[in-house]
Amino acid sequence: MPTYTYACERCGEFERVQDMSAPALETCPECGAPVRRLLTPGSGHIIKGRGREAHCGSPSPCCGRAERCDKPPCGK
């Protein structure tokens, strides 16, 4: 579940873990004042497995072979 950052008019900023389908908070859970959800940068992405080594997307093979093959990199 993503973490959303909110700004309260009285308390300042706070974070809440919520489902993506959950409605945005409208009031501060601490003081009841109006809040607004802030846009914050994401945390990036996580590559699991072999990642870039398995297929780098370049027209030439990742391991330096003359032709592409459908096998994993040779460990070069």
N, C-alpha and C. Protein backbone atom coordinates (compact mmCIF):
# COMPACT_ATOMS: atom_id res chain seq x y z
N MET A 1 0.85 -1.18 0.00
CA MET A 1 0.00 0.00 0.00
C MET A 1 0.89 1.24 0.00
N PRO A 2 0.50 2.26 -0.73
CA PRO A 2 1.30 3.48 -0.79
C PRO A 2 1.16 4.33 0.48
N THR A 3 2.17 5.14 0.71
CA THR A 3 2.16 6.10 1.82
C THR A 3 1.86 7.47 1.25
N TYR A 4 0.84 8.13 1.78
CA TYR A 4 0.46 9.46 1.32
C TYR A 4 0.86 10.49 2.36
N THR A 5 1.28 11.66 1.90
CA THR A 5 1.65 12.76 2.78
C THR A 5 0.53 13.79 2.75
N TYR A 6 0.12 14.22 3.92
CA TYR A 6 -0.93 15.23 4.07
C TYR A 6 -0.37 16.44 4.79
N ALA A 7 -0.99 17.59 4.55
CA ALA A 7 -0.62 18.82 5.25
C ALA A 7 -1.84 19.32 6.02
N CYS A 8 -1.66 19.45 7.34
CA CYS A 8 -2.71 19.98 8.21
C CYS A 8 -2.45 21.45 8.45
N GLU A 9 -3.48 22.26 8.46
CA GLU A 9 -3.33 23.70 8.68
C GLU A 9 -2.75 24.01 10.07
N ARG A 10 -3.01 23.14 11.04
CA ARG A 10 -2.55 23.39 12.42
C ARG A 10 -1.33 22.55 12.81
N CYS A 11 -1.35 21.28 12.46
CA CYS A 11 -0.31 20.34 12.94
C CYS A 11 0.90 20.22 12.02
N GLY A 12 0.77 20.58 10.77
CA GLY A 12 1.87 20.41 9.81
C GLY A 12 1.68 19.14 8.99
N GLU A 13 2.77 18.59 8.50
CA GLU A 13 2.70 17.42 7.63
C GLU A 13 2.69 16.11 8.42
N PHE A 14 1.98 15.12 7.86
CA PHE A 14 1.98 13.77 8.42
C PHE A 14 1.75 12.78 7.29
N GLU A 15 2.06 11.51 7.53
CA GLU A 15 1.91 10.48 6.52
C GLU A 15 0.91 9.43 6.96
N ARG A 16 0.24 8.83 5.98
CA ARG A 16 -0.70 7.74 6.24
C ARG A 16 -0.54 6.68 5.16
N VAL A 17 -0.54 5.42 5.56
CA VAL A 17 -0.52 4.30 4.62
C VAL A 17 -1.98 3.98 4.31
N GLN A 18 -2.34 4.05 3.02
CA GLN A 18 -3.72 3.84 2.60
C GLN A 18 -3.77 3.03 1.31
N ASP A 19 -4.88 2.33 1.11
CA ASP A 19 -5.12 1.69 -0.18
C ASP A 19 -5.20 2.76 -1.26
N MET A 20 -4.82 2.41 -2.48
CA MET A 20 -4.92 3.37 -3.58
C MET A 20 -6.37 3.74 -3.85
N SER A 21 -7.29 2.83 -3.56
CA SER A 21 -8.71 3.09 -3.81
C SER A 21 -9.40 3.83 -2.66
N ALA A 22 -8.69 4.02 -1.54
CA ALA A 22 -9.28 4.72 -0.40
C ALA A 22 -9.40 6.20 -0.69
N PRO A 23 -10.47 6.85 -0.24
CA PRO A 23 -10.60 8.30 -0.45
C PRO A 23 -9.55 9.06 0.37
N ALA A 24 -9.17 10.21 -0.13
CA ALA A 24 -8.20 11.05 0.58
C ALA A 24 -8.81 11.54 1.89
N LEU A 25 -7.96 11.69 2.92
CA LEU A 25 -8.44 12.24 4.19
C LEU A 25 -8.90 13.68 3.98
N GLU A 26 -9.90 14.09 4.71
CA GLU A 26 -10.39 15.47 4.62
C GLU A 26 -10.09 16.25 5.89
N THR A 27 -9.94 15.54 7.00
CA THR A 27 -9.66 16.20 8.28
C THR A 27 -8.48 15.52 8.97
N CYS A 28 -7.78 16.27 9.78
CA CYS A 28 -6.63 15.78 10.52
C CYS A 28 -7.10 14.84 11.63
N PRO A 29 -6.48 13.67 11.74
CA PRO A 29 -6.88 12.75 12.80
C PRO A 29 -6.51 13.24 14.20
N GLU A 30 -5.59 14.19 14.30
CA GLU A 30 -5.16 14.72 15.60
C GLU A 30 -6.04 15.86 16.10
N CYS A 31 -6.31 16.85 15.20
CA CYS A 31 -7.00 18.06 15.66
C CYS A 31 -8.33 18.32 14.94
N GLY A 32 -8.61 17.59 13.85
CA GLY A 32 -9.86 17.77 13.12
C GLY A 32 -9.87 18.90 12.11
N ALA A 33 -8.73 19.58 11.95
CA ALA A 33 -8.64 20.69 10.97
C ALA A 33 -8.61 20.12 9.55
N PRO A 34 -8.96 20.93 8.56
CA PRO A 34 -8.89 20.47 7.16
C PRO A 34 -7.46 20.12 6.75
N VAL A 35 -7.33 19.10 5.91
CA VAL A 35 -6.02 18.70 5.38
C VAL A 35 -6.08 18.61 3.87
N ARG A 36 -4.91 18.64 3.25
CA ARG A 36 -4.82 18.43 1.80
C ARG A 36 -3.71 17.42 1.56
N ARG A 37 -3.94 16.56 0.57
CA ARG A 37 -2.93 15.56 0.23
C ARG A 37 -1.88 16.22 -0.65
N LEU A 38 -0.62 15.98 -0.33
CA LEU A 38 0.49 16.56 -1.07
C LEU A 38 1.00 15.59 -2.12
N LEU A 39 1.52 16.12 -3.20
CA LEU A 39 2.17 15.31 -4.23
C LEU A 39 3.63 15.18 -3.85
N THR A 40 4.09 13.96 -3.69
CA THR A 40 5.48 13.72 -3.32
C THR A 40 6.11 12.79 -4.34
N PRO A 41 7.43 12.86 -4.49
CA PRO A 41 8.08 11.96 -5.45
C PRO A 41 7.97 10.52 -4.99
N GLY A 42 7.90 9.62 -5.96
CA GLY A 42 7.83 8.20 -5.65
C GLY A 42 9.16 7.69 -5.14
N SER A 43 9.18 6.46 -4.74
CA SER A 43 10.41 5.87 -4.21
C SER A 43 11.24 5.19 -5.28
N GLY A 44 10.85 5.33 -6.53
CA GLY A 44 11.58 4.68 -7.61
C GLY A 44 11.01 3.30 -7.85
N HIS A 45 11.84 2.42 -8.35
CA HIS A 45 11.38 1.06 -8.60
C HIS A 45 12.44 0.07 -8.16
N ILE A 46 12.01 -1.13 -7.92
CA ILE A 46 12.92 -2.17 -7.47
C ILE A 46 12.98 -3.23 -8.55
N ILE A 47 14.18 -3.56 -8.98
CA ILE A 47 14.36 -4.61 -9.97
C ILE A 47 14.68 -5.89 -9.23
N LYS A 48 13.88 -6.90 -9.43
CA LYS A 48 14.12 -8.19 -8.80
C LYS A 48 14.66 -9.16 -9.84
N GLY A 49 15.41 -10.10 -9.41
CA GLY A 49 15.98 -11.07 -10.33
C GLY A 49 17.26 -10.54 -10.93
N ARG A 50 17.49 -10.84 -12.18
CA ARG A 50 18.74 -10.47 -12.83
C ARG A 50 18.74 -9.06 -13.37
N GLY A 51 17.56 -8.44 -13.47
CA GLY A 51 17.48 -7.05 -13.88
C GLY A 51 18.14 -6.74 -15.20
N ARG A 52 18.94 -5.69 -15.21
CA ARG A 52 19.57 -5.20 -16.43
C ARG A 52 20.48 -6.24 -17.09
N GLU A 53 21.08 -7.11 -16.29
CA GLU A 53 21.98 -8.12 -16.86
C GLU A 53 21.24 -9.05 -17.82
N ALA A 54 19.98 -9.37 -17.50
CA ALA A 54 19.25 -10.35 -18.31
C ALA A 54 18.90 -9.79 -19.69
N HIS A 55 18.55 -8.52 -19.77
CA HIS A 55 18.21 -7.90 -21.05
C HIS A 55 18.37 -6.39 -20.89
N CYS A 56 19.39 -5.84 -21.51
CA CYS A 56 19.66 -4.42 -21.33
C CYS A 56 18.93 -3.54 -22.33
N GLY A 57 18.25 -4.11 -23.29
CA GLY A 57 17.49 -3.31 -24.24
C GLY A 57 18.31 -2.74 -25.39
N SER A 58 19.60 -3.00 -25.41
CA SER A 58 20.42 -2.47 -26.50
C SER A 58 20.33 -3.40 -27.70
N PRO A 59 20.60 -2.86 -28.90
CA PRO A 59 20.53 -3.70 -30.10
C PRO A 59 21.60 -4.80 -30.10
N SER A 60 22.73 -4.57 -29.43
CA SER A 60 23.75 -5.61 -29.37
C SER A 60 23.57 -6.39 -28.06
N PRO A 61 24.03 -7.60 -28.02
CA PRO A 61 23.89 -8.41 -26.81
C PRO A 61 24.62 -7.79 -25.63
N CYS A 62 24.13 -8.06 -24.46
CA CYS A 62 24.72 -7.50 -23.24
C CYS A 62 26.11 -8.03 -22.96
N CYS A 63 26.36 -9.27 -23.36
CA CYS A 63 27.64 -9.88 -23.00
C CYS A 63 28.71 -9.68 -24.07
N GLY A 64 28.38 -9.00 -25.17
CA GLY A 64 29.38 -8.73 -26.18
C GLY A 64 29.42 -9.72 -27.33
N ARG A 65 28.52 -10.67 -27.37
CA ARG A 65 28.48 -11.61 -28.50
C ARG A 65 28.16 -10.85 -29.78
N ALA A 66 28.50 -11.44 -30.91
CA ALA A 66 28.24 -10.79 -32.19
C ALA A 66 26.75 -10.79 -32.52
N GLU A 67 26.04 -11.84 -32.12
CA GLU A 67 24.61 -11.93 -32.40
C GLU A 67 23.83 -12.18 -31.11
N ARG A 68 22.59 -11.74 -31.12
CA ARG A 68 21.72 -11.96 -29.98
C ARG A 68 21.35 -13.44 -29.88
N CYS A 69 21.18 -13.90 -28.68
CA CYS A 69 20.67 -15.25 -28.47
C CYS A 69 19.61 -15.18 -27.37
N ASP A 70 18.88 -16.22 -27.16
CA ASP A 70 17.82 -16.22 -26.17
C ASP A 70 18.28 -16.85 -24.85
N LYS A 71 19.56 -16.88 -24.63
CA LYS A 71 20.10 -17.46 -23.41
C LYS A 71 20.50 -16.36 -22.45
N PRO A 72 20.63 -16.69 -21.16
CA PRO A 72 21.08 -15.68 -20.19
C PRO A 72 22.47 -15.18 -20.53
N PRO A 73 22.87 -14.04 -20.03
CA PRO A 73 24.22 -13.53 -20.30
C PRO A 73 25.28 -14.53 -19.89
N CYS A 74 26.43 -14.45 -20.55
CA CYS A 74 27.48 -15.42 -20.30
C CYS A 74 28.32 -15.07 -19.09
N GLY A 75 27.99 -14.04 -18.35
CA GLY A 75 28.72 -13.68 -17.15
C GLY A 75 29.94 -12.82 -17.41
N LYS A 76 30.01 -12.24 -18.57
CA LYS A 76 31.16 -11.39 -18.92
C LYS A 76 31.15 -10.14 -18.09
